[in-house]
Amino acid sequence: MSAHQILFAKSAKKDIQKLDLQTRKRLKQKFTTFILDPLPHSKKLINSKIGTHRWRVGSYRVIFDLDSKKQEILILRVRHRKEVYKC
């Protein structure tokens, strides 16, 4: 199985820039694991207004859309679990 390509929305880039260095390193490490096979590590979201899937990385949630045909993962938001689901 080939790795998926990760794309970042502007909102996700801003979210990541606000995080501390340790959390950013942790995210990067998790992304390298998740891109090989993203679905077993993810949970499908009920409210698809904010995204279709999410990953859990500690107290943070990575909201993303998955395009299996193009093998692309579009990261939409990276926020603390208390804030991420508020629209």
N, C-alpha and C. Protein backbone atom coordinates (compact mmCIF):
# COMPACT_ATOMS: atom_id res chain seq x y z
N MET A 1 0.85 -1.19 0.00
CA MET A 1 0.00 0.00 0.00
C MET A 1 0.89 1.25 0.00
N SER A 2 0.60 2.16 -0.91
CA SER A 2 1.39 3.38 -0.99
C SER A 2 0.86 4.43 -0.02
N ALA A 3 1.74 5.34 0.32
CA ALA A 3 1.38 6.39 1.28
C ALA A 3 0.48 7.42 0.64
N HIS A 4 -0.40 7.99 1.45
CA HIS A 4 -1.26 9.08 1.00
C HIS A 4 -0.47 10.38 1.06
N GLN A 5 -0.90 11.33 0.27
CA GLN A 5 -0.29 12.67 0.30
C GLN A 5 -1.10 13.54 1.26
N ILE A 6 -0.40 14.30 2.10
CA ILE A 6 -1.09 15.18 3.04
C ILE A 6 -1.07 16.60 2.51
N LEU A 7 -2.25 17.21 2.47
CA LEU A 7 -2.40 18.61 2.09
C LEU A 7 -2.97 19.35 3.30
N PHE A 8 -2.56 20.60 3.47
CA PHE A 8 -3.02 21.38 4.61
C PHE A 8 -3.84 22.58 4.16
N ALA A 9 -5.01 22.76 4.76
CA ALA A 9 -5.81 23.96 4.53
C ALA A 9 -5.14 25.11 5.28
N LYS A 10 -5.44 26.35 4.89
CA LYS A 10 -4.86 27.52 5.56
C LYS A 10 -5.16 27.50 7.05
N SER A 11 -6.40 27.13 7.39
CA SER A 11 -6.81 27.09 8.80
C SER A 11 -5.96 26.09 9.60
N ALA A 12 -5.64 24.96 9.00
CA ALA A 12 -4.82 23.95 9.67
C ALA A 12 -3.40 24.45 9.87
N LYS A 13 -2.86 25.14 8.87
CA LYS A 13 -1.50 25.70 9.00
C LYS A 13 -1.45 26.69 10.15
N LYS A 14 -2.46 27.54 10.25
CA LYS A 14 -2.52 28.52 11.35
C LYS A 14 -2.62 27.82 12.69
N ASP A 15 -3.46 26.78 12.76
CA ASP A 15 -3.61 26.02 14.00
C ASP A 15 -2.28 25.42 14.45
N ILE A 16 -1.56 24.83 13.51
CA ILE A 16 -0.28 24.18 13.82
C ILE A 16 0.76 25.19 14.27
N GLN A 17 0.79 26.37 13.64
CA GLN A 17 1.75 27.41 14.02
C GLN A 17 1.55 27.88 15.45
N LYS A 18 0.33 27.81 15.95
CA LYS A 18 0.02 28.26 17.30
C LYS A 18 0.45 27.25 18.37
N LEU A 19 0.73 26.02 17.96
CA LEU A 19 1.07 24.96 18.91
C LEU A 19 2.52 25.07 19.38
N ASP A 20 2.78 24.51 20.56
CA ASP A 20 4.16 24.50 21.06
C ASP A 20 4.99 23.48 20.27
N LEU A 21 6.30 23.61 20.38
CA LEU A 21 7.23 22.81 19.59
C LEU A 21 7.06 21.31 19.84
N GLN A 22 6.88 20.92 21.08
CA GLN A 22 6.73 19.51 21.42
C GLN A 22 5.49 18.89 20.76
N THR A 23 4.39 19.62 20.77
CA THR A 23 3.16 19.14 20.16
C THR A 23 3.32 19.04 18.64
N ARG A 24 4.00 20.02 18.05
CA ARG A 24 4.23 19.97 16.60
C ARG A 24 5.07 18.76 16.21
N LYS A 25 6.09 18.46 17.00
CA LYS A 25 6.92 17.28 16.73
C LYS A 25 6.10 16.00 16.84
N ARG A 26 5.23 15.96 17.84
CA ARG A 26 4.37 14.80 18.05
C ARG A 26 3.42 14.61 16.86
N LEU A 27 2.86 15.72 16.37
CA LEU A 27 1.97 15.66 15.20
C LEU A 27 2.71 15.13 13.98
N LYS A 28 3.90 15.67 13.75
CA LYS A 28 4.68 15.25 12.58
C LYS A 28 4.98 13.76 12.64
N GLN A 29 5.33 13.28 13.81
CA GLN A 29 5.61 11.86 14.00
C GLN A 29 4.36 11.02 13.71
N LYS A 30 3.21 11.46 14.20
CA LYS A 30 1.96 10.73 13.98
C LYS A 30 1.56 10.74 12.51
N PHE A 31 1.75 11.90 11.84
CA PHE A 31 1.39 12.00 10.42
C PHE A 31 2.15 10.97 9.60
N THR A 32 3.43 10.76 9.90
CA THR A 32 4.21 9.79 9.13
C THR A 32 3.66 8.38 9.30
N THR A 33 3.09 8.08 10.47
CA THR A 33 2.46 6.78 10.70
C THR A 33 1.12 6.70 10.00
N PHE A 34 0.33 7.76 10.13
CA PHE A 34 -1.04 7.76 9.63
C PHE A 34 -1.14 7.75 8.11
N ILE A 35 -0.18 8.36 7.40
CA ILE A 35 -0.30 8.46 5.94
C ILE A 35 -0.23 7.10 5.25
N LEU A 36 0.39 6.11 5.89
CA LEU A 36 0.48 4.79 5.27
C LEU A 36 -0.88 4.12 5.18
N ASP A 37 -1.65 4.23 6.24
CA ASP A 37 -3.00 3.64 6.27
C ASP A 37 -3.85 4.48 7.22
N PRO A 38 -4.49 5.53 6.72
CA PRO A 38 -5.15 6.51 7.59
C PRO A 38 -6.43 6.04 8.29
N LEU A 39 -7.16 5.13 7.70
CA LEU A 39 -8.47 4.78 8.26
C LEU A 39 -8.45 4.01 9.59
N PRO A 40 -7.58 3.04 9.80
CA PRO A 40 -7.60 2.35 11.09
C PRO A 40 -7.31 3.27 12.28
N HIS A 41 -6.60 4.34 12.05
CA HIS A 41 -6.25 5.28 13.11
C HIS A 41 -7.30 6.38 13.28
N SER A 42 -8.27 6.43 12.39
CA SER A 42 -9.22 7.55 12.40
C SER A 42 -10.59 7.11 12.90
N LYS A 43 -11.39 8.12 13.16
CA LYS A 43 -12.78 7.89 13.54
C LYS A 43 -13.65 8.74 12.61
N LYS A 44 -14.70 8.15 12.08
CA LYS A 44 -15.59 8.89 11.18
C LYS A 44 -16.43 9.85 12.01
N LEU A 45 -16.53 11.09 11.54
CA LEU A 45 -17.30 12.10 12.26
C LEU A 45 -18.76 12.07 11.84
N ILE A 46 -19.63 12.28 12.80
CA ILE A 46 -21.07 12.32 12.54
C ILE A 46 -21.43 13.63 11.85
N ASN A 47 -20.89 14.74 12.38
CA ASN A 47 -21.14 16.06 11.81
C ASN A 47 -20.12 16.33 10.71
N SER A 48 -20.50 16.11 9.47
CA SER A 48 -19.54 16.26 8.37
C SER A 48 -19.35 17.71 7.92
N LYS A 49 -19.96 18.66 8.63
CA LYS A 49 -19.75 20.08 8.29
C LYS A 49 -18.30 20.49 8.53
N ILE A 50 -17.66 19.93 9.56
CA ILE A 50 -16.30 20.32 9.88
C ILE A 50 -15.26 19.41 9.24
N GLY A 51 -15.65 18.24 8.79
CA GLY A 51 -14.75 17.28 8.17
C GLY A 51 -15.36 15.89 8.26
N THR A 52 -14.75 14.93 7.58
CA THR A 52 -15.33 13.59 7.57
C THR A 52 -14.69 12.64 8.57
N HIS A 53 -13.42 12.88 8.92
CA HIS A 53 -12.72 11.99 9.83
C HIS A 53 -11.89 12.80 10.83
N ARG A 54 -11.45 12.11 11.88
CA ARG A 54 -10.54 12.75 12.83
C ARG A 54 -9.52 11.75 13.34
N TRP A 55 -8.35 12.27 13.68
CA TRP A 55 -7.33 11.51 14.39
C TRP A 55 -7.18 12.10 15.77
N ARG A 56 -6.82 11.29 16.72
CA ARG A 56 -6.56 11.75 18.08
C ARG A 56 -5.04 11.74 18.27
N VAL A 57 -4.50 12.89 18.66
CA VAL A 57 -3.08 12.99 18.98
C VAL A 57 -3.00 13.65 20.35
N GLY A 58 -2.97 12.84 21.39
CA GLY A 58 -3.00 13.36 22.75
C GLY A 58 -4.31 14.08 23.00
N SER A 59 -4.23 15.32 23.46
CA SER A 59 -5.43 16.13 23.72
C SER A 59 -5.90 16.87 22.47
N TYR A 60 -5.21 16.69 21.37
CA TYR A 60 -5.55 17.40 20.14
C TYR A 60 -6.27 16.49 19.16
N ARG A 61 -7.08 17.12 18.31
CA ARG A 61 -7.80 16.40 17.27
C ARG A 61 -7.42 16.97 15.93
N VAL A 62 -7.17 16.09 14.99
CA VAL A 62 -6.84 16.48 13.62
C VAL A 62 -8.06 16.13 12.77
N ILE A 63 -8.74 17.15 12.28
CA ILE A 63 -9.94 16.96 11.45
C ILE A 63 -9.50 16.96 9.99
N PHE A 64 -9.96 15.96 9.23
CA PHE A 64 -9.53 15.87 7.84
C PHE A 64 -10.59 15.25 6.95
N ASP A 65 -10.42 15.48 5.66
CA ASP A 65 -11.21 14.82 4.62
C ASP A 65 -10.28 13.86 3.88
N LEU A 66 -10.82 12.73 3.50
CA LEU A 66 -10.02 11.71 2.84
C LEU A 66 -10.54 11.48 1.43
N ASP A 67 -9.65 11.52 0.46
CA ASP A 67 -9.99 11.20 -0.93
C ASP A 67 -9.19 9.95 -1.29
N SER A 68 -9.84 8.81 -1.19
CA SER A 68 -9.15 7.53 -1.41
C SER A 68 -8.71 7.34 -2.86
N LYS A 69 -9.50 7.87 -3.79
CA LYS A 69 -9.16 7.71 -5.21
C LYS A 69 -7.86 8.43 -5.55
N LYS A 70 -7.72 9.67 -5.07
CA LYS A 70 -6.51 10.45 -5.33
C LYS A 70 -5.41 10.16 -4.32
N GLN A 71 -5.75 9.40 -3.28
CA GLN A 71 -4.83 9.11 -2.18
C GLN A 71 -4.34 10.40 -1.53
N GLU A 72 -5.29 11.28 -1.21
CA GLU A 72 -4.97 12.56 -0.57
C GLU A 72 -5.72 12.69 0.75
N ILE A 73 -5.04 13.30 1.70
CA ILE A 73 -5.64 13.64 2.99
C ILE A 73 -5.56 15.15 3.11
N LEU A 74 -6.72 15.79 3.24
CA LEU A 74 -6.75 17.25 3.40
C LEU A 74 -7.00 17.55 4.88
N ILE A 75 -5.97 18.05 5.55
CA ILE A 75 -6.07 18.41 6.96
C ILE A 75 -6.79 19.75 7.04
N LEU A 76 -7.91 19.78 7.77
CA LEU A 76 -8.73 20.99 7.86
C LEU A 76 -8.48 21.77 9.14
N ARG A 77 -8.40 21.09 10.27
CA ARG A 77 -8.21 21.75 11.57
C ARG A 77 -7.32 20.89 12.44
N VAL A 78 -6.55 21.55 13.32
CA VAL A 78 -5.77 20.87 14.36
C VAL A 78 -5.97 21.71 15.61
N ARG A 79 -6.81 21.21 16.51
CA ARG A 79 -7.15 21.99 17.70
C ARG A 79 -7.29 21.09 18.92
N HIS A 80 -7.30 21.74 20.07
CA HIS A 80 -7.52 21.02 21.32
C HIS A 80 -8.92 20.43 21.30
N ARG A 81 -9.09 19.31 21.96
CA ARG A 81 -10.37 18.61 21.90
C ARG A 81 -11.54 19.41 22.46
N LYS A 82 -11.27 20.36 23.34
CA LYS A 82 -12.34 21.19 23.90
C LYS A 82 -12.90 22.19 22.88
N GLU A 83 -12.07 22.58 21.90
CA GLU A 83 -12.45 23.62 20.95
C GLU A 83 -12.81 23.13 19.56
N VAL A 84 -12.32 21.98 19.19
CA VAL A 84 -12.33 21.58 17.79
C VAL A 84 -13.73 21.37 17.21
N TYR A 85 -14.68 20.93 18.01
CA TYR A 85 -16.00 20.62 17.47
C TYR A 85 -16.95 21.80 17.48
N LYS A 86 -16.53 22.94 18.04
CA LYS A 86 -17.37 24.13 18.05
C LYS A 86 -17.28 24.80 16.69
N CYS A 87 -18.40 24.97 16.04
CA CYS A 87 -18.40 25.56 14.68
C CYS A 87 -18.46 27.06 14.72
